[in-house]
């Protein structure tokens, strides 16, 4: 039965890996973004653990200080009871002093361990943040390379694909022809709107020349 389940598990994992491989080949940047999101989530988890560890350390420290204060208090009370000859009170205060002293030592040990764990978590968190930032920068680099590759591919289509080139070139020709038609229309409109004034000016000049020549 275990072997069957193991085979089913391996088959499912193989199918999942195959799907992921296909997705990665189809869109590697998308897969990289997914990996980065997962890394960001893991980094956030460590940050939350770090916050909890800070709170634990503070709590251990608070409990340790309180245990120390109670131990010192019971110690003084035991001494006073002893001096006053209050044997029963002396023994009670002394017993509690021992309990508080033992508790404070245990809390001190836990506090030291919590500080070590906190330092380790801080180190790992900083390391994860640096790695995450490095991966984000590398993603930007890869995206830049991908953009350049796509641009080269597109330019290659334009420059080397005859059908694509002819279609693109004909588009340019179409635009040039349209501009030429516009220029012709504008020029004709200009001459049409100014022809009367120009002819009148020419006629006036010719009459003036005739008058001068006859005189």
N, C-alpha and C. Protein backbone atom coordinates (compact mmCIF):
# COMPACT_ATOMS: atom_id res chain seq x y z
N UNK A 1 0.82 -1.20 0.00
CA UNK A 1 0.00 0.00 0.00
C UNK A 1 0.86 1.26 0.00
N UNK A 2 1.94 1.23 0.83
CA UNK A 2 2.84 2.38 0.89
C UNK A 2 3.49 2.65 -0.45
N UNK A 3 3.85 1.54 -1.14
CA UNK A 3 4.49 1.66 -2.44
C UNK A 3 3.55 2.31 -3.45
N UNK A 4 2.27 1.93 -3.41
CA UNK A 4 1.28 2.51 -4.33
C UNK A 4 1.15 4.00 -4.09
N UNK A 5 1.03 4.38 -2.80
CA UNK A 5 0.91 5.81 -2.47
C UNK A 5 2.16 6.58 -2.90
N UNK A 6 3.32 5.95 -2.70
CA UNK A 6 4.57 6.60 -3.08
C UNK A 6 4.62 6.82 -4.59
N UNK A 7 4.15 5.80 -5.35
CA UNK A 7 4.15 5.92 -6.81
C UNK A 7 3.18 7.00 -7.27
N UNK A 8 2.00 7.06 -6.61
CA UNK A 8 1.02 8.10 -6.95
C UNK A 8 1.61 9.49 -6.67
N UNK A 9 2.26 9.61 -5.49
CA UNK A 9 2.88 10.88 -5.10
C UNK A 9 3.94 11.30 -6.11
N UNK A 10 4.79 10.35 -6.50
CA UNK A 10 5.85 10.65 -7.47
C UNK A 10 5.27 11.05 -8.82
N UNK A 11 4.19 10.39 -9.22
CA UNK A 11 3.54 10.71 -10.50
C UNK A 11 2.97 12.12 -10.47
N UNK A 12 2.29 12.45 -9.38
CA UNK A 12 1.71 13.79 -9.24
C UNK A 12 2.80 14.86 -9.25
N UNK A 13 3.87 14.61 -8.50
CA UNK A 13 4.98 15.56 -8.45
C UNK A 13 5.62 15.72 -9.83
N UNK A 14 5.74 14.62 -10.55
CA UNK A 14 6.32 14.67 -11.89
C UNK A 14 5.45 15.52 -12.81
N UNK A 15 4.11 15.34 -12.71
CA UNK A 15 3.19 16.14 -13.54
C UNK A 15 3.29 17.62 -13.19
N UNK A 16 3.35 17.92 -11.89
CA UNK A 16 3.47 19.32 -11.45
C UNK A 16 4.76 19.94 -11.97
N UNK A 17 5.87 19.19 -11.85
CA UNK A 17 7.16 19.69 -12.32
C UNK A 17 7.16 19.92 -13.83
N UNK A 18 6.46 19.04 -14.54
CA UNK A 18 6.38 19.19 -16.00
C UNK A 18 5.62 20.46 -16.37
N UNK A 19 4.52 20.70 -15.66
CA UNK A 19 3.73 21.91 -15.89
C UNK A 19 4.56 23.16 -15.60
N UNK A 20 5.29 23.12 -14.47
CA UNK A 20 6.14 24.26 -14.08
C UNK A 20 7.24 24.49 -15.11
N UNK A 21 7.83 23.40 -15.62
CA UNK A 21 8.89 23.52 -16.62
C UNK A 21 8.35 24.19 -17.89
N UNK A 22 7.12 23.78 -18.29
CA UNK A 22 6.52 24.37 -19.48
C UNK A 22 6.24 25.85 -19.27
N UNK A 23 5.71 26.19 -18.08
CA UNK A 23 5.43 27.60 -17.77
C UNK A 23 6.72 28.42 -17.75
N UNK A 24 7.77 27.82 -17.20
CA UNK A 24 9.05 28.53 -17.10
C UNK A 24 9.62 28.80 -18.48
N UNK A 25 9.50 27.81 -19.39
CA UNK A 25 10.02 28.00 -20.74
C UNK A 25 9.19 29.03 -21.50
N UNK A 26 7.88 29.05 -21.23
CA UNK A 26 6.99 29.96 -21.93
C UNK A 26 7.17 31.39 -21.45
N UNK A 27 7.27 31.57 -20.15
CA UNK A 27 7.41 32.93 -19.59
C UNK A 27 8.32 32.89 -18.37
N UNK A 28 9.64 32.90 -18.58
CA UNK A 28 10.59 32.79 -17.45
C UNK A 28 10.51 33.94 -16.47
N UNK A 29 10.20 35.16 -16.96
CA UNK A 29 10.12 36.31 -16.06
C UNK A 29 8.93 36.16 -15.10
N UNK A 30 7.81 35.63 -15.62
CA UNK A 30 6.64 35.40 -14.77
C UNK A 30 6.95 34.40 -13.66
N UNK A 31 7.69 33.34 -14.02
CA UNK A 31 8.07 32.35 -13.01
C UNK A 31 9.02 32.97 -11.99
N UNK A 32 9.93 33.81 -12.46
CA UNK A 32 10.86 34.47 -11.56
C UNK A 32 10.10 35.39 -10.59
N UNK A 33 9.09 36.08 -11.11
CA UNK A 33 8.25 36.94 -10.25
C UNK A 33 7.55 36.11 -9.18
N UNK A 34 7.10 34.92 -9.57
CA UNK A 34 6.44 34.03 -8.60
C UNK A 34 7.41 33.60 -7.51
N UNK A 35 8.63 33.22 -7.91
CA UNK A 35 9.64 32.82 -6.93
C UNK A 35 9.97 33.98 -5.98
N UNK A 36 10.03 35.18 -6.54
CA UNK A 36 10.33 36.36 -5.72
C UNK A 36 9.20 36.64 -4.73
N UNK A 37 7.96 36.48 -5.18
CA UNK A 37 6.83 36.66 -4.26
C UNK A 37 6.89 35.66 -3.11
N UNK A 38 7.24 34.41 -3.44
CA UNK A 38 7.37 33.39 -2.39
C UNK A 38 8.50 33.75 -1.43
N UNK A 39 9.60 34.26 -1.97
CA UNK A 39 10.73 34.66 -1.12
C UNK A 39 10.34 35.84 -0.22
N UNK A 40 9.57 36.76 -0.77
CA UNK A 40 9.09 37.90 0.02
C UNK A 40 8.19 37.43 1.16
N UNK A 41 7.35 36.43 0.87
CA UNK A 41 6.47 35.88 1.91
C UNK A 41 7.28 35.21 3.02
N UNK A 42 8.31 34.46 2.63
CA UNK A 42 9.16 33.80 3.63
C UNK A 42 9.91 34.83 4.47
N UNK A 43 10.37 35.88 3.83
CA UNK A 43 11.07 36.95 4.55
C UNK A 43 10.14 37.64 5.53
N UNK A 44 8.88 37.83 5.12
CA UNK A 44 7.90 38.45 6.00
C UNK A 44 7.61 37.55 7.21
N UNK A 45 7.58 36.24 6.99
CA UNK A 45 7.38 35.30 8.11
C UNK A 45 8.50 35.43 9.13
N UNK A 46 9.73 35.51 8.65
CA UNK A 46 10.88 35.66 9.55
C UNK A 46 10.80 36.98 10.30
N UNK A 47 10.33 38.04 9.62
CA UNK A 47 10.19 39.34 10.30
C UNK A 47 9.20 39.25 11.46
N UNK A 48 8.10 38.54 11.24
CA UNK A 48 7.09 38.38 12.30
C UNK A 48 7.64 37.54 13.45
N UNK A 49 8.42 36.50 13.12
CA UNK A 49 9.07 35.70 14.17
C UNK A 49 10.04 36.55 14.97
N UNK A 50 10.71 37.44 14.27
CA UNK A 50 11.66 38.34 14.92
C UNK A 50 10.95 39.26 15.91
N UNK A 51 9.81 39.78 15.50
CA UNK A 51 9.02 40.63 16.40
C UNK A 51 8.57 39.85 17.63
N UNK A 52 8.12 38.62 17.43
CA UNK A 52 7.70 37.78 18.56
C UNK A 52 8.87 37.51 19.50
N UNK A 53 10.06 37.30 18.92
CA UNK A 53 11.22 37.02 19.74
C UNK A 53 11.62 38.23 20.58
N UNK A 54 11.47 39.42 19.99
CA UNK A 54 11.73 40.66 20.75
C UNK A 54 10.80 40.74 21.96
N UNK A 55 9.52 40.45 21.73
CA UNK A 55 8.54 40.50 22.81
C UNK A 55 8.85 39.46 23.88
N UNK A 56 9.23 38.25 23.45
CA UNK A 56 9.58 37.20 24.41
C UNK A 56 10.78 37.60 25.25
N UNK A 57 11.78 38.18 24.61
CA UNK A 57 12.97 38.60 25.34
C UNK A 57 12.62 39.65 26.40
N UNK A 58 11.78 40.60 25.98
CA UNK A 58 11.35 41.63 26.94
C UNK A 58 10.56 41.02 28.10
N UNK A 59 9.72 40.03 27.79
CA UNK A 59 8.94 39.39 28.84
C UNK A 59 9.84 38.61 29.80
N UNK A 60 10.81 37.88 29.23
CA UNK A 60 11.77 37.15 30.07
C UNK A 60 12.52 38.11 30.98
N UNK A 61 12.93 39.25 30.41
CA UNK A 61 13.68 40.23 31.18
C UNK A 61 12.83 40.81 32.31
N UNK A 62 11.57 41.11 31.98
CA UNK A 62 10.66 41.65 32.99
C UNK A 62 10.43 40.65 34.13
N UNK A 63 10.19 39.38 33.78
CA UNK A 63 9.98 38.34 34.78
C UNK A 63 11.24 38.10 35.61
N UNK A 64 12.41 38.18 34.96
CA UNK A 64 13.69 37.98 35.67
C UNK A 64 13.90 39.08 36.70
N UNK A 65 13.67 40.34 36.29
CA UNK A 65 13.83 41.47 37.20
C UNK A 65 12.88 41.34 38.38
N UNK A 66 11.65 40.95 38.10
CA UNK A 66 10.66 40.80 39.17
C UNK A 66 11.06 39.69 40.15
N UNK A 67 11.54 38.55 39.62
CA UNK A 67 11.99 37.44 40.47
C UNK A 67 13.18 37.86 41.33
N UNK A 68 14.09 38.62 40.75
CA UNK A 68 15.26 39.10 41.48
C UNK A 68 14.84 40.03 42.62
N UNK A 69 13.91 40.91 42.33
CA UNK A 69 13.44 41.85 43.36
C UNK A 69 12.76 41.12 44.51
N UNK A 70 11.93 40.12 44.17
CA UNK A 70 11.24 39.34 45.21
C UNK A 70 12.23 38.51 46.03
N UNK A 71 13.25 37.98 45.36
CA UNK A 71 14.27 37.19 46.07
C UNK A 71 15.02 38.08 47.08
N UNK A 72 15.41 39.29 46.61
CA UNK A 72 16.10 40.22 47.50
C UNK A 72 15.21 40.63 48.67
N UNK A 73 13.93 40.82 48.39
CA UNK A 73 12.97 41.21 49.43
C UNK A 73 12.83 40.12 50.49
N UNK A 74 12.66 38.85 50.03
CA UNK A 74 12.52 37.74 50.97
C UNK A 74 13.82 37.50 51.75
N UNK A 75 14.92 37.78 51.12
CA UNK A 75 16.22 37.61 51.80
C UNK A 75 16.34 38.59 52.97
N UNK A 76 15.97 39.85 52.73
CA UNK A 76 16.00 40.86 53.80
C UNK A 76 15.01 40.51 54.91
N UNK A 77 13.82 40.04 54.48
CA UNK A 77 12.80 39.69 55.46
C UNK A 77 13.25 38.50 56.33
N UNK A 78 13.95 37.53 55.72
CA UNK A 78 14.45 36.38 56.47
C UNK A 78 15.49 36.83 57.49
N UNK A 79 16.34 37.78 57.09
CA UNK A 79 17.36 38.29 58.01
C UNK A 79 16.71 39.02 59.19
N UNK A 80 15.69 39.84 58.88
CA UNK A 80 14.99 40.58 59.95
C UNK A 80 14.29 39.61 60.90
N UNK A 81 13.63 38.60 60.33
CA UNK A 81 12.92 37.60 61.15
C UNK A 81 13.91 36.83 62.03
N UNK A 82 15.08 36.54 61.48
CA UNK A 82 16.11 35.82 62.24
C UNK A 82 16.60 36.66 63.42
N UNK A 83 16.83 37.95 63.14
CA UNK A 83 17.30 38.86 64.20
C UNK A 83 16.25 39.04 65.30
N UNK A 84 14.97 38.99 64.85
CA UNK A 84 13.87 39.15 65.82
C UNK A 84 13.53 37.85 66.53
N UNK A 85 14.18 36.77 66.15
CA UNK A 85 13.93 35.48 66.79
C UNK A 85 12.65 34.81 66.32
N UNK A 86 12.09 35.27 65.20
CA UNK A 86 10.88 34.67 64.64
C UNK A 86 11.28 33.52 63.72
N UNK A 87 11.46 32.36 64.32
CA UNK A 87 11.98 31.20 63.60
C UNK A 87 11.07 30.78 62.45
N UNK A 88 9.78 30.68 62.72
CA UNK A 88 8.84 30.20 61.70
C UNK A 88 8.80 31.17 60.52
N UNK A 89 8.72 32.47 60.82
CA UNK A 89 8.69 33.49 59.77
C UNK A 89 10.01 33.50 59.00
N UNK A 90 11.12 33.30 59.76
CA UNK A 90 12.44 33.24 59.12
C UNK A 90 12.51 32.09 58.12
N UNK A 91 12.02 30.92 58.52
CA UNK A 91 12.07 29.74 57.64
C UNK A 91 11.18 29.94 56.39
N UNK A 92 9.99 30.55 56.63
CA UNK A 92 9.08 30.80 55.49
C UNK A 92 9.71 31.76 54.48
N UNK A 93 10.25 32.87 55.00
CA UNK A 93 10.88 33.87 54.12
C UNK A 93 12.10 33.28 53.41
N UNK A 94 12.87 32.45 54.15
CA UNK A 94 14.05 31.82 53.57
C UNK A 94 13.67 30.84 52.46
N UNK A 95 12.58 30.09 52.67
CA UNK A 95 12.12 29.13 51.65
C UNK A 95 11.69 29.86 50.37
N UNK A 96 10.94 30.95 50.57
CA UNK A 96 10.49 31.72 49.40
C UNK A 96 11.67 32.40 48.70
N UNK A 97 12.64 32.83 49.50
CA UNK A 97 13.85 33.40 48.89
C UNK A 97 14.51 32.37 47.97
N UNK A 98 14.60 31.13 48.42
CA UNK A 98 15.19 30.07 47.60
C UNK A 98 14.40 29.83 46.33
N UNK A 99 13.06 29.86 46.43
CA UNK A 99 12.22 29.65 45.24
C UNK A 99 12.38 30.78 44.23
N UNK A 100 12.36 32.02 44.75
CA UNK A 100 12.52 33.16 43.85
C UNK A 100 13.93 33.20 43.24
N UNK A 101 14.91 32.83 44.03
CA UNK A 101 16.28 32.80 43.52
C UNK A 101 16.42 31.76 42.42
N UNK A 102 15.83 30.60 42.64
CA UNK A 102 15.87 29.53 41.62
C UNK A 102 15.14 29.97 40.36
N UNK A 103 13.98 30.64 40.57
CA UNK A 103 13.21 31.13 39.41
C UNK A 103 14.00 32.17 38.63
N UNK A 104 14.65 33.07 39.33
CA UNK A 104 15.41 34.12 38.65
C UNK A 104 16.57 33.54 37.86
N UNK A 105 17.23 32.50 38.40
CA UNK A 105 18.33 31.86 37.68
C UNK A 105 17.83 31.16 36.41
N UNK A 106 16.66 30.51 36.57
CA UNK A 106 16.07 29.84 35.40
C UNK A 106 15.67 30.86 34.34
N UNK A 107 15.08 31.97 34.79
CA UNK A 107 14.68 33.03 33.85
C UNK A 107 15.90 33.68 33.20
N UNK A 108 16.98 33.82 33.97
CA UNK A 108 18.20 34.38 33.41
C UNK A 108 18.73 33.51 32.29
N UNK A 109 18.70 32.18 32.52
CA UNK A 109 19.15 31.24 31.50
C UNK A 109 18.27 31.33 30.25
N UNK A 110 16.95 31.43 30.46
CA UNK A 110 16.02 31.56 29.35
C UNK A 110 16.22 32.89 28.62
N UNK A 111 16.52 33.94 29.37
CA UNK A 111 16.76 35.25 28.77
C UNK A 111 17.99 35.23 27.88
N UNK A 112 19.06 34.61 28.39
CA UNK A 112 20.31 34.50 27.61
C UNK A 112 20.06 33.71 26.32
N UNK A 113 19.30 32.62 26.43
CA UNK A 113 18.98 31.79 25.25
C UNK A 113 18.12 32.57 24.27
N UNK A 114 17.16 33.32 24.79
CA UNK A 114 16.29 34.12 23.92
C UNK A 114 17.09 35.18 23.17
N UNK A 115 18.08 35.78 23.84
CA UNK A 115 18.93 36.78 23.20
C UNK A 115 19.77 36.16 22.09
N UNK A 116 20.27 34.92 22.34
CA UNK A 116 21.03 34.22 21.31
C UNK A 116 20.16 33.94 20.09
N UNK A 117 18.94 33.44 20.36
CA UNK A 117 18.01 33.14 19.28
C UNK A 117 17.63 34.40 18.52
N UNK A 118 17.47 35.49 19.26
CA UNK A 118 17.14 36.76 18.63
C UNK A 118 18.25 37.23 17.70
N UNK A 119 19.49 37.11 18.18
CA UNK A 119 20.63 37.51 17.36
C UNK A 119 20.71 36.66 16.09
N UNK A 120 20.42 35.36 16.22
CA UNK A 120 20.45 34.46 15.06
C UNK A 120 19.33 34.83 14.08
N UNK A 121 18.15 35.10 14.59
CA UNK A 121 17.03 35.50 13.73
C UNK A 121 17.33 36.81 13.02
N UNK A 122 17.93 37.75 13.75
CA UNK A 122 18.29 39.04 13.14
C UNK A 122 19.29 38.84 12.00
N UNK A 123 20.26 37.97 12.24
CA UNK A 123 21.27 37.70 11.21
C UNK A 123 20.62 37.08 9.97
N UNK A 124 19.75 36.09 10.19
CA UNK A 124 19.08 35.42 9.07
C UNK A 124 18.15 36.38 8.34
N UNK A 125 17.47 37.22 9.10
CA UNK A 125 16.54 38.17 8.47
C UNK A 125 17.29 39.16 7.59
N UNK A 126 18.40 39.69 8.09
CA UNK A 126 19.20 40.62 7.30
C UNK A 126 19.76 39.92 6.06
N UNK A 127 20.18 38.68 6.23
CA UNK A 127 20.71 37.91 5.10
C UNK A 127 19.61 37.69 4.05
N UNK A 128 18.40 37.36 4.50
CA UNK A 128 17.29 37.14 3.58
C UNK A 128 16.93 38.43 2.84
N UNK A 129 16.95 39.55 3.56
CA UNK A 129 16.64 40.83 2.93
C UNK A 129 17.67 41.18 1.86
N UNK A 130 18.93 40.92 2.16
CA UNK A 130 19.99 41.20 1.18
C UNK A 130 19.85 40.31 -0.05
N UNK A 131 19.55 39.03 0.19
CA UNK A 131 19.39 38.11 -0.94
C UNK A 131 18.17 38.49 -1.77
N UNK A 132 17.10 38.88 -1.09
CA UNK A 132 15.89 39.29 -1.80
C UNK A 132 16.15 40.52 -2.66
N UNK A 133 16.86 41.49 -2.08
CA UNK A 133 17.19 42.70 -2.84
C UNK A 133 18.07 42.35 -4.03
N UNK A 134 19.02 41.45 -3.82
CA UNK A 134 19.91 41.03 -4.90
C UNK A 134 19.11 40.36 -6.02
N UNK A 135 18.15 39.51 -5.64
CA UNK A 135 17.32 38.85 -6.64
C UNK A 135 16.45 39.84 -7.40
N UNK A 136 15.96 40.87 -6.69
CA UNK A 136 15.14 41.89 -7.35
C UNK A 136 15.97 42.67 -8.37
N UNK A 137 17.22 42.96 -8.02
CA UNK A 137 18.12 43.66 -8.94
C UNK A 137 18.43 42.78 -10.14
N UNK A 138 18.66 41.49 -9.87
CA UNK A 138 18.94 40.57 -10.97
C UNK A 138 17.72 40.40 -11.88
N UNK A 139 16.52 40.46 -11.28
CA UNK A 139 15.30 40.40 -12.09
C UNK A 139 15.25 41.61 -13.03
N UNK A 140 15.58 42.81 -12.50
CA UNK A 140 15.60 44.00 -13.34
C UNK A 140 16.58 43.83 -14.49
N UNK A 141 17.74 43.23 -14.17
CA UNK A 141 18.76 43.00 -15.19
C UNK A 141 18.23 42.05 -16.26
N UNK A 142 17.59 40.97 -15.82
CA UNK A 142 17.04 39.99 -16.77
C UNK A 142 15.93 40.60 -17.61
N UNK A 143 15.09 41.43 -16.98
CA UNK A 143 14.02 42.08 -17.73
C UNK A 143 14.59 43.00 -18.80
N UNK A 144 15.70 43.69 -18.43
CA UNK A 144 16.36 44.54 -19.41
C UNK A 144 16.89 43.74 -20.58
N UNK A 145 17.51 42.60 -20.27
CA UNK A 145 18.02 41.74 -21.34
C UNK A 145 16.89 41.19 -22.20
N UNK A 146 15.79 40.82 -21.55
CA UNK A 146 14.65 40.28 -22.30
C UNK A 146 14.09 41.34 -23.24
N UNK A 147 14.00 42.59 -22.75
CA UNK A 147 13.50 43.67 -23.59
C UNK A 147 14.39 43.88 -24.81
N UNK A 148 15.71 43.83 -24.58
CA UNK A 148 16.66 43.99 -25.69
C UNK A 148 16.51 42.85 -26.68
N UNK A 149 16.36 41.62 -26.17
CA UNK A 149 16.20 40.46 -27.03
C UNK A 149 14.94 40.58 -27.88
N UNK A 150 13.84 41.00 -27.23
CA UNK A 150 12.59 41.17 -27.97
C UNK A 150 12.71 42.26 -29.03
N UNK A 151 13.42 43.35 -28.66
CA UNK A 151 13.61 44.44 -29.62
C UNK A 151 14.42 43.96 -30.82
N UNK A 152 15.47 43.19 -30.56
CA UNK A 152 16.28 42.66 -31.65
C UNK A 152 15.47 41.71 -32.53
N UNK A 153 14.65 40.89 -31.87
CA UNK A 153 13.80 39.96 -32.63
C UNK A 153 12.84 40.73 -33.52
N UNK A 154 12.23 41.79 -32.98
CA UNK A 154 11.29 42.60 -33.75
C UNK A 154 12.00 43.29 -34.91
N UNK A 155 13.19 43.82 -34.62
CA UNK A 155 13.95 44.48 -35.69
C UNK A 155 14.37 43.48 -36.74
N UNK A 156 14.70 42.26 -36.30
CA UNK A 156 15.07 41.21 -37.24
C UNK A 156 13.92 40.88 -38.17
N UNK A 157 12.70 40.88 -37.62
CA UNK A 157 11.52 40.62 -38.46
C UNK A 157 11.39 41.70 -39.53
N UNK A 158 11.61 42.95 -39.11
CA UNK A 158 11.45 44.06 -40.04
C UNK A 158 12.53 44.05 -41.11
N UNK A 159 13.77 43.73 -40.69
CA UNK A 159 14.91 43.83 -41.60
C UNK A 159 15.08 42.61 -42.49
N UNK A 160 14.70 41.43 -41.97
CA UNK A 160 15.02 40.19 -42.69
C UNK A 160 13.80 39.44 -43.22
N UNK A 161 12.63 39.75 -42.75
CA UNK A 161 11.44 39.08 -43.24
C UNK A 161 10.89 39.90 -44.41
N UNK A 162 10.95 39.32 -45.63
CA UNK A 162 10.58 40.09 -46.81
C UNK A 162 9.12 40.52 -46.77
N UNK A 163 8.25 39.59 -46.37
CA UNK A 163 6.82 39.92 -46.32
C UNK A 163 6.57 41.05 -45.32
N UNK A 164 7.20 40.91 -44.16
CA UNK A 164 7.03 41.93 -43.11
C UNK A 164 7.63 43.25 -43.58
N UNK A 165 8.82 43.16 -44.22
CA UNK A 165 9.51 44.37 -44.68
C UNK A 165 8.71 45.08 -45.76
N UNK A 166 8.18 44.29 -46.71
CA UNK A 166 7.39 44.88 -47.79
C UNK A 166 6.15 45.57 -47.24
N UNK A 167 5.50 44.92 -46.28
CA UNK A 167 4.30 45.49 -45.69
C UNK A 167 4.64 46.79 -44.96
N UNK A 168 5.75 46.78 -44.22
CA UNK A 168 6.16 47.97 -43.48
C UNK A 168 6.56 49.09 -44.44
N UNK A 169 7.30 48.70 -45.51
CA UNK A 169 7.75 49.70 -46.46
C UNK A 169 6.58 50.33 -47.19
N UNK A 170 5.60 49.48 -47.55
CA UNK A 170 4.42 50.00 -48.24
C UNK A 170 3.66 50.98 -47.34
N UNK A 171 3.69 50.73 -46.05
CA UNK A 171 3.04 51.64 -45.11
C UNK A 171 3.72 53.00 -45.14
N UNK A 172 5.06 52.99 -45.17
CA UNK A 172 5.80 54.24 -45.27
C UNK A 172 5.47 54.97 -46.57
N UNK A 173 5.40 54.22 -47.66
CA UNK A 173 5.08 54.83 -48.95
C UNK A 173 3.68 55.45 -48.93
N UNK A 174 2.77 54.74 -48.30
CA UNK A 174 1.39 55.24 -48.19
C UNK A 174 1.36 56.56 -47.43
N UNK A 175 2.12 56.64 -46.35
CA UNK A 175 2.16 57.88 -45.56
C UNK A 175 2.80 59.01 -46.37
N UNK A 176 3.87 58.69 -47.10
CA UNK A 176 4.55 59.71 -47.91
C UNK A 176 3.62 60.24 -49.00
N UNK A 177 2.88 59.33 -49.63
CA UNK A 177 1.94 59.75 -50.67
C UNK A 177 0.87 60.66 -50.09
N UNK A 178 0.40 60.33 -48.92
CA UNK A 178 -0.64 61.13 -48.26
C UNK A 178 -0.11 62.53 -47.96
N UNK A 179 1.15 62.60 -47.48
CA UNK A 179 1.76 63.91 -47.19
C UNK A 179 1.89 64.72 -48.47
N UNK A 180 2.31 64.06 -49.57
CA UNK A 180 2.45 64.77 -50.85
C UNK A 180 1.12 65.31 -51.34
N UNK A 181 0.06 64.51 -51.17
CA UNK A 181 -1.27 64.96 -51.57
C UNK A 181 -1.71 66.18 -50.75
N UNK A 182 -1.42 66.12 -49.44
CA UNK A 182 -1.77 67.24 -48.57
C UNK A 182 -1.02 68.50 -48.99
N UNK A 183 0.28 68.34 -49.28
CA UNK A 183 1.08 69.49 -49.71
C UNK A 183 0.52 70.10 -51.00
N UNK A 184 0.13 69.23 -51.95
CA UNK A 184 -0.43 69.71 -53.22
C UNK A 184 -1.74 70.46 -52.99
N UNK A 185 -2.59 69.89 -52.10
CA UNK A 185 -3.87 70.54 -51.81
C UNK A 185 -3.65 71.91 -51.16
N UNK A 186 -2.73 71.97 -50.22
CA UNK A 186 -2.44 73.24 -49.55
C UNK A 186 -1.91 74.27 -50.54
N UNK A 187 -1.03 73.81 -51.45
CA UNK A 187 -0.44 74.73 -52.43
C UNK A 187 -1.52 75.26 -53.39
N UNK A 188 -2.38 74.34 -53.83
CA UNK A 188 -3.44 74.76 -54.75
C UNK A 188 -4.39 75.75 -54.07
N UNK A 189 -4.72 75.45 -52.81
CA UNK A 189 -5.60 76.35 -52.06
C UNK A 189 -4.97 77.73 -51.91
N UNK A 190 -3.66 77.72 -51.69
CA UNK A 190 -2.94 78.99 -51.53
C UNK A 190 -3.00 79.82 -52.81
N UNK A 191 -2.69 79.14 -53.96
CA UNK A 191 -2.73 79.85 -55.25
C UNK A 191 -4.15 80.31 -55.58
N UNK A 192 -5.14 79.46 -55.28
CA UNK A 192 -6.53 79.80 -55.58
C UNK A 192 -6.99 81.02 -54.80
N UNK A 193 -6.56 81.12 -53.54
CA UNK A 193 -7.00 82.23 -52.69
C UNK A 193 -6.24 83.53 -53.01
N UNK A 194 -5.10 83.43 -53.70
CA UNK A 194 -4.29 84.62 -53.96
C UNK A 194 -4.20 85.01 -55.43
N UNK A 195 -4.84 84.21 -56.31
CA UNK A 195 -4.67 84.45 -57.75
C UNK A 195 -5.21 85.81 -58.19
N UNK A 196 -6.38 86.21 -57.64
CA UNK A 196 -6.97 87.49 -58.05
C UNK A 196 -6.06 88.65 -57.71
N UNK A 197 -5.55 88.64 -56.49
CA UNK A 197 -4.68 89.72 -56.05
C UNK A 197 -3.39 89.75 -56.87
N UNK A 198 -2.84 88.58 -57.18
CA UNK A 198 -1.58 88.52 -57.92
C UNK A 198 -1.75 89.00 -59.35
N UNK A 199 -2.86 88.55 -59.99
CA UNK A 199 -3.11 88.96 -61.37
C UNK A 199 -3.36 90.47 -61.45
N UNK A 200 -4.12 91.00 -60.48
CA UNK A 200 -4.39 92.44 -60.45
C UNK A 200 -3.10 93.23 -60.30
N UNK A 201 -2.20 92.71 -59.49
CA UNK A 201 -0.91 93.38 -59.27
C UNK A 201 -0.07 93.35 -60.55
N UNK A 202 -0.11 92.17 -61.24
CA UNK A 202 0.63 92.04 -62.50
C UNK A 202 0.07 92.99 -63.56
N UNK A 203 -1.26 93.07 -63.59
CA UNK A 203 -1.91 93.95 -64.58
C UNK A 203 -1.54 95.41 -64.34
N UNK A 204 -1.52 95.80 -63.10
CA UNK A 204 -1.16 97.17 -62.74
C UNK A 204 0.27 97.48 -63.15
N UNK A 205 1.15 96.48 -62.92
CA UNK A 205 2.57 96.66 -63.27
C UNK A 205 2.74 96.81 -64.78
N UNK A 206 1.97 95.98 -65.56
CA UNK A 206 2.07 96.04 -67.02
C UNK A 206 1.59 97.39 -67.55
N UNK A 207 0.46 97.92 -67.03
CA UNK A 207 -0.04 99.22 -67.45
C UNK A 207 0.94 100.34 -67.19
N UNK A 208 1.61 100.23 -66.03
CA UNK A 208 2.59 101.25 -65.65
C UNK A 208 3.76 101.22 -66.61
N UNK A 209 4.15 99.99 -67.00
CA UNK A 209 5.28 99.87 -67.95
C UNK A 209 4.91 100.44 -69.30
N UNK A 210 3.66 100.20 -69.74
CA UNK A 210 3.18 100.70 -71.05
C UNK A 210 3.17 102.22 -71.07
N UNK A 211 2.72 102.82 -69.98
CA UNK A 211 2.65 104.28 -69.86
C UNK A 211 4.03 104.88 -69.97
N UNK A 212 4.98 104.28 -69.33
CA UNK A 212 6.36 104.80 -69.33
C UNK A 212 6.97 104.69 -70.72
N UNK A 213 6.66 103.59 -71.40
CA UNK A 213 7.25 103.38 -72.74
C UNK A 213 6.64 104.33 -73.78
N UNK A 214 5.35 104.68 -73.66
CA UNK A 214 4.68 105.58 -74.61
C UNK A 214 5.11 107.02 -74.42
N UNK A 215 5.45 107.36 -73.20
CA UNK A 215 5.86 108.72 -72.94
C UNK A 215 7.30 108.91 -73.44
